[in-house]
Amino acid sequence: MENVKPLTHRQRQALATQQVIIEAARALFLEQGYGSTTIEAISSRAGVAVSTVYAVFKNKRNILRAIREAWHQESGQRDIYDRAKQETDPKRRFALAAHATRRQWDTGATMITIYNGAAAIDPEAATELEAALQGRRAAIEQFINISLPMLRPDLTESAACAIYLALTRAEVYQELVMRWQWSPDDYESWLATTLQQQLLPM
């Protein structure tokens, strides 16, 4: 087994500084919008020097990318989907898929709001958002493809993908959980049941 060296004090400090900047930027992007948030405002909210923000991230777009990656790490959705792909019981597979989606939007529904705001004024952010959405579609298409033997025989692969993508949109989570005050557990239960009803044989 490979030995993993513990982080030095300086490395721990650097990671802590990055996290403080990311959290400050995430809050400001939501409060003020991506375009209206300055590096100076981020440094003030984070309690670090402006030069430190530039040294760590160089620009706002890199902070945006770091927020997105922190979201993926926090949600654990990639690992959950990997477990779902290995699951041989159809209902359990789609229950795990519902759990992955719940974790994705539990931790990152606001990420879509931030990215939409950034994409509206920054062409490179718009390109990144489109690439991220295409990546999500590709991952779901792959998940549906390997699940085809489990699905209703009358469903085409494209129809199954369309149903899955429609049900698992961030906007659905936001409407049910944020607008109508469903609990995340209720959302996950509803999504698992609905995916099973729509995609699996009765």
Foldseek 3Di string as FASTA:
>chain_A
DDDDDDDDPVRVVLVVLLVLLLVLLLVCCLVPNLVVDDLVSSCVSSVHDSVSSCVNQVDSVSSLVVNVVVLCVQLVLVVLLVVLLVDPDVLVSLLSVLSSLLSSLVRDLVNVVRLVRVVVPPVVSVVVVVVVVVVVLVVLLVSLVSCVVFWDPVDDSVNLSVVLCVLSDSVNVCCVCVVVNDDSVVSSVVSSVVNCVVTGDD
